[in-house]
Amino acid sequence: MQNWIVLSSVALVLWGLTGVTQKLSTNNISFQRSFVWFGVAFFAISVVLAFARPLQWDVAPGVVMLATLGGLLNGLGALTSFAALEAGGKASVVIPLISLYPLVTVAGACLFLGEGLTIRQIAGILCALVAVALLSQESPPQALSSPHKKDL
């Protein structure tokens, strides 16, 4: 199996578990506090990475700016996902919805990088949109009925 597939599969599992831990944390503490702890963990991983692997620090300022902007956008996306979960969003709906972010990347790649889409890729995008639409449909809560329950 190719290395990128293994790494992508690990990311899939880790991000899937992240959705559950984010919901659990925002059930107990504010989204702001949860996000701060998220940042602490992210920083710890960055420090370990900086010491574990030699990093090339002489990078063009434009590249540093793009990487920083990517981190900023990622952080703001994570912050708003925590807020959505704290605001009552179900993890089973919020996480699949926000996980459609690659569709924004695809649109950007088409608009700014001149990349095209095949019919199969367009079909995949449509399936993803239908899947999230179906996941986000919630039926109203059903009243509990019991033969022993008296009407008030």
C-alpha atoms as a PDB file:
ATOM      1  CA  MET A   1       0.000   0.000   0.000  1.00  0.00           C
ATOM      2  CA  GLN A   2       1.289   3.466  -0.834  1.00  0.00           C
ATOM      3  CA  ASN A   3       2.542   5.582   2.055  1.00  0.00           C
ATOM      4  CA  TRP A   4       0.140   8.472   1.371  1.00  0.00           C
ATOM      5  CA  ILE A   5      -2.837   6.118   1.657  1.00  0.00           C
ATOM      6  CA  VAL A   6      -1.675   4.880   5.064  1.00  0.00           C
ATOM      7  CA  LEU A   7      -1.072   8.438   6.294  1.00  0.00           C
ATOM      8  CA  SER A   8      -4.432   9.602   4.915  1.00  0.00           C
ATOM      9  CA  SER A   9      -6.178   6.683   6.628  1.00  0.00           C
ATOM     10  CA  VAL A  10      -4.548   7.568   9.949  1.00  0.00           C
ATOM     11  CA  ALA A  11      -5.652  11.214   9.490  1.00  0.00           C
ATOM     12  CA  LEU A  12      -9.181  10.016   8.753  1.00  0.00           C
ATOM     13  CA  VAL A  13      -9.344   8.027  12.004  1.00  0.00           C
ATOM     14  CA  LEU A  14      -7.747  10.797  14.082  1.00  0.00           C
ATOM     15  CA  TRP A  15     -10.059  13.492  12.683  1.00  0.00           C
ATOM     16  CA  GLY A  16     -13.039  11.204  13.167  1.00  0.00           C
ATOM     17  CA  LEU A  17     -12.147  10.774  16.822  1.00  0.00           C
ATOM     18  CA  THR A  18     -11.523  14.523  17.074  1.00  0.00           C
ATOM     19  CA  GLY A  19     -15.169  15.210  16.260  1.00  0.00           C
ATOM     20  CA  VAL A  20     -16.264  13.078  19.198  1.00  0.00           C
ATOM     21  CA  THR A  21     -13.755  14.606  21.632  1.00  0.00           C
ATOM     22  CA  GLN A  22     -14.696  18.133  20.539  1.00  0.00           C
ATOM     23  CA  LYS A  23     -18.372  17.463  21.218  1.00  0.00           C
ATOM     24  CA  LEU A  24     -17.607  15.877  24.582  1.00  0.00           C
ATOM     25  CA  SER A  25     -15.467  18.848  25.597  1.00  0.00           C
ATOM     26  CA  THR A  26     -17.990  21.480  24.489  1.00  0.00           C
ATOM     27  CA  ASN A  27     -20.673  19.607  26.452  1.00  0.00           C
ATOM     28  CA  ASN A  28     -18.659  20.352  29.597  1.00  0.00           C
ATOM     29  CA  ILE A  29     -16.717  23.584  29.006  1.00  0.00           C
ATOM     30  CA  SER A  30     -17.112  26.614  26.766  1.00  0.00           C
ATOM     31  CA  PHE A  31     -16.060  26.416  23.130  1.00  0.00           C
ATOM     32  CA  GLN A  32     -13.474  29.123  23.876  1.00  0.00           C
ATOM     33  CA  ARG A  33     -11.834  27.132  26.673  1.00  0.00           C
ATOM     34  CA  SER A  34     -12.010  23.950  24.612  1.00  0.00           C
ATOM     35  CA  PHE A  35     -10.344  25.750  21.717  1.00  0.00           C
ATOM     36  CA  VAL A  36      -7.556  27.062  23.981  1.00  0.00           C
ATOM     37  CA  TRP A  37      -6.765  23.495  25.072  1.00  0.00           C
ATOM     38  CA  PHE A  38      -6.892  22.457  21.413  1.00  0.00           C
ATOM     39  CA  GLY A  39      -4.269  25.151  20.745  1.00  0.00           C
ATOM     40  CA  VAL A  40      -2.098  23.994  23.650  1.00  0.00           C
ATOM     41  CA  ALA A  41      -2.055  20.462  22.233  1.00  0.00           C
ATOM     42  CA  PHE A  42      -1.307  21.789  18.746  1.00  0.00           C
ATOM     43  CA  PHE A  43       1.592  23.849  20.110  1.00  0.00           C
ATOM     44  CA  ALA A  44       2.996  20.830  21.988  1.00  0.00           C
ATOM     45  CA  ILE A  45       2.979  18.772  18.799  1.00  0.00           C
ATOM     46  CA  SER A  46       4.703  21.637  16.949  1.00  0.00           C
ATOM     47  CA  VAL A  47       7.464  21.849  19.582  1.00  0.00           C
ATOM     48  CA  VAL A  48       8.071  18.096  19.434  1.00  0.00           C
ATOM     49  CA  LEU A  49       8.188  18.238  15.640  1.00  0.00           C
ATOM     50  CA  ALA A  50      10.632  21.179  15.672  1.00  0.00           C
ATOM     51  CA  PHE A  51      13.038  19.253  17.911  1.00  0.00           C
ATOM     52  CA  ALA A  52      12.525  15.819  16.331  1.00  0.00           C
ATOM     53  CA  ARG A  53      13.153  16.835  12.709  1.00  0.00           C
ATOM     54  CA  PRO A  54      15.554  19.419  11.368  1.00  0.00           C
ATOM     55  CA  LEU A  55      13.514  22.259   9.909  1.00  0.00           C
ATOM     56  CA  GLN A  56      14.554  24.512   7.069  1.00  0.00           C
ATOM     57  CA  TRP A  57      14.101  28.057   8.361  1.00  0.00           C
ATOM     58  CA  ASP A  58      15.365  29.979   5.305  1.00  0.00           C
ATOM     59  CA  VAL A  59      12.059  30.101   3.439  1.00  0.00           C
ATOM     60  CA  ALA A  60      10.777  32.876   1.204  1.00  0.00           C
ATOM     61  CA  PRO A  61       8.525  35.334   3.074  1.00  0.00           C
ATOM     62  CA  GLY A  62       5.642  34.666   0.667  1.00  0.00           C
ATOM     63  CA  VAL A  63       5.731  30.966   1.516  1.00  0.00           C
ATOM     64  CA  VAL A  64       5.811  31.730   5.246  1.00  0.00           C
ATOM     65  CA  MET A  65       2.847  34.060   4.774  1.00  0.00           C
ATOM     66  CA  LEU A  66       0.870  31.364   2.922  1.00  0.00           C
ATOM     67  CA  ALA A  67       1.656  28.772   5.597  1.00  0.00           C
ATOM     68  CA  THR A  68       0.691  31.244   8.329  1.00  0.00           C
ATOM     69  CA  LEU A  69      -2.535  32.130   6.546  1.00  0.00           C
ATOM     70  CA  GLY A  70      -3.305  28.397   6.237  1.00  0.00           C
ATOM     71  CA  GLY A  71      -2.790  28.003   9.990  1.00  0.00           C
ATOM     72  CA  LEU A  72      -4.945  31.039  10.723  1.00  0.00           C
ATOM     73  CA  LEU A  73      -7.777  29.793   8.524  1.00  0.00           C
ATOM     74  CA  ASN A  74      -7.484  26.292  10.024  1.00  0.00           C
ATOM     75  CA  GLY A  75      -7.635  27.752  13.525  1.00  0.00           C
ATOM     76  CA  LEU A  76     -10.675  29.891  12.730  1.00  0.00           C
ATOM     77  CA  GLY A  77     -12.377  26.875  11.157  1.00  0.00           C
ATOM     78  CA  ALA A  78     -11.665  24.791  14.245  1.00  0.00           C
ATOM     79  CA  LEU A  79     -12.912  27.603  16.503  1.00  0.00           C
ATOM     80  CA  THR A  80     -16.197  27.888  14.636  1.00  0.00           C
ATOM     81  CA  SER A  81     -16.615  24.104  14.680  1.00  0.00           C
ATOM     82  CA  PHE A  82     -16.253  24.127  18.487  1.00  0.00           C
ATOM     83  CA  ALA A  83     -18.811  26.952  18.634  1.00  0.00           C
ATOM     84  CA  ALA A  84     -21.247  25.000  16.433  1.00  0.00           C
ATOM     85  CA  LEU A  85     -20.960  21.969  18.701  1.00  0.00           C
ATOM     86  CA  GLU A  86     -21.444  24.052  21.853  1.00  0.00           C
ATOM     87  CA  ALA A  87     -24.449  25.819  20.276  1.00  0.00           C
ATOM     88  CA  GLY A  88     -26.291  22.501  20.233  1.00  0.00           C
ATOM     89  CA  GLY A  89     -25.147  20.995  16.964  1.00  0.00           C
ATOM     90  CA  LYS A  90     -25.041  17.207  17.012  1.00  0.00           C
ATOM     91  CA  ALA A  91     -21.598  15.782  16.311  1.00  0.00           C
ATOM     92  CA  SER A  92     -23.213  13.360  13.845  1.00  0.00           C
ATOM     93  CA  VAL A  93     -24.386  16.345  11.773  1.00  0.00           C
ATOM     94  CA  VAL A  94     -21.832  19.112  12.438  1.00  0.00           C
ATOM     95  CA  ILE A  95     -18.728  17.038  11.737  1.00  0.00           C
ATOM     96  CA  PRO A  96     -19.912  15.642   8.367  1.00  0.00           C
ATOM     97  CA  LEU A  97     -21.078  19.124   7.362  1.00  0.00           C
ATOM     98  CA  ILE A  98     -17.800  20.840   8.173  1.00  0.00           C
ATOM     99  CA  SER A  99     -15.961  17.925   6.624  1.00  0.00           C
ATOM    100  CA  LEU A 100     -17.205  19.132   3.242  1.00  0.00           C
ATOM    101  CA  TYR A 101     -14.425  21.725   3.321  1.00  0.00           C
ATOM    102  CA  PRO A 102     -12.658  19.940   0.426  1.00  0.00           C
ATOM    103  CA  LEU A 103     -15.486  21.178  -1.802  1.00  0.00           C
ATOM    104  CA  VAL A 104     -14.304  24.724  -1.084  1.00  0.00           C
ATOM    105  CA  THR A 105     -10.770  23.590  -1.965  1.00  0.00           C
ATOM    106  CA  VAL A 106     -12.026  22.062  -5.228  1.00  0.00           C
ATOM    107  CA  ALA A 107     -13.801  25.300  -6.124  1.00  0.00           C
ATOM    108  CA  GLY A 108     -10.639  27.275  -5.346  1.00  0.00           C
ATOM    109  CA  ALA A 109      -8.502  24.886  -7.375  1.00  0.00           C
ATOM    110  CA  CYS A 110     -10.834  25.326 -10.352  1.00  0.00           C
ATOM    111  CA  LEU A 111     -11.004  29.111 -10.021  1.00  0.00           C
ATOM    112  CA  PHE A 112      -7.423  29.990  -9.062  1.00  0.00           C
ATOM    113  CA  LEU A 113      -5.302  27.073 -10.250  1.00  0.00           C
ATOM    114  CA  GLY A 114      -7.086  26.272 -13.505  1.00  0.00           C
ATOM    115  CA  GLU A 115      -7.803  22.687 -12.482  1.00  0.00           C
ATOM    116  CA  GLY A 116     -10.749  20.928 -14.078  1.00  0.00           C
ATOM    117  CA  LEU A 117     -13.251  18.345 -12.917  1.00  0.00           C
ATOM    118  CA  THR A 118     -14.279  15.106 -14.559  1.00  0.00           C
ATOM    119  CA  ILE A 119     -17.858  13.891 -14.691  1.00  0.00           C
ATOM    120  CA  ARG A 120     -16.987  11.297 -12.045  1.00  0.00           C
ATOM    121  CA  GLN A 121     -15.614  13.979  -9.723  1.00  0.00           C
ATOM    122  CA  ILE A 122     -18.712  16.137 -10.214  1.00  0.00           C
ATOM    123  CA  ALA A 123     -20.856  13.099  -9.394  1.00  0.00           C
ATOM    124  CA  GLY A 124     -18.804  12.592  -6.222  1.00  0.00           C
ATOM    125  CA  ILE A 125     -19.374  16.217  -5.207  1.00  0.00           C
ATOM    126  CA  LEU A 126     -23.109  15.832  -5.753  1.00  0.00           C
ATOM    127  CA  CYS A 127     -23.157  12.621  -3.692  1.00  0.00           C
ATOM    128  CA  ALA A 128     -21.331  14.408  -0.852  1.00  0.00           C
ATOM    129  CA  LEU A 129     -23.866  17.238  -0.903  1.00  0.00           C
ATOM    130  CA  VAL A 130     -26.781  14.799  -0.897  1.00  0.00           C
ATOM    131  CA  ALA A 131     -25.197  12.835   1.971  1.00  0.00           C
ATOM    132  CA  VAL A 132     -24.887  15.919   4.156  1.00  0.00           C
ATOM    133  CA  ALA A 133     -28.412  17.026   3.280  1.00  0.00           C
ATOM    134  CA  LEU A 134     -29.695  13.613   4.358  1.00  0.00           C
ATOM    135  CA  LEU A 135     -27.608  13.575   7.536  1.00  0.00           C
ATOM    136  CA  SER A 136     -28.824  17.016   8.547  1.00  0.00           C
ATOM    137  CA  GLN A 137     -32.511  16.073   8.314  1.00  0.00           C
ATOM    138  CA  GLU A 138     -33.759  15.480  11.806  1.00  0.00           C
ATOM    139  CA  SER A 139     -37.171  14.173  12.663  1.00  0.00           C
ATOM    140  CA  PRO A 140     -39.027  15.881  15.504  1.00  0.00           C
ATOM    141  CA  PRO A 141     -38.654  14.225  18.890  1.00  0.00           C
ATOM    142  CA  GLN A 142     -41.358  11.660  19.490  1.00  0.00           C
ATOM    143  CA  ALA A 143     -43.389  11.842  22.642  1.00  0.00           C
ATOM    144  CA  LEU A 144     -43.013   8.880  24.934  1.00  0.00           C
ATOM    145  CA  SER A 145     -46.241   7.006  25.183  1.00  0.00           C
ATOM    146  CA  SER A 146     -46.889   4.485  27.834  1.00  0.00           C
ATOM    147  CA  PRO A 147     -50.105   2.608  28.564  1.00  0.00           C
ATOM    148  CA  HIS A 148     -49.551   3.418  32.246  1.00  0.00           C
ATOM    149  CA  LYS A 149     -48.988   7.120  31.724  1.00  0.00           C
ATOM    150  CA  LYS A 150     -51.968   9.298  32.645  1.00  0.00           C
ATOM    151  CA  ASP A 151     -52.815  12.364  30.603  1.00  0.00           C
ATOM    152  CA  LEU A 152     -52.467  15.546  32.593  1.00  0.00           C
END
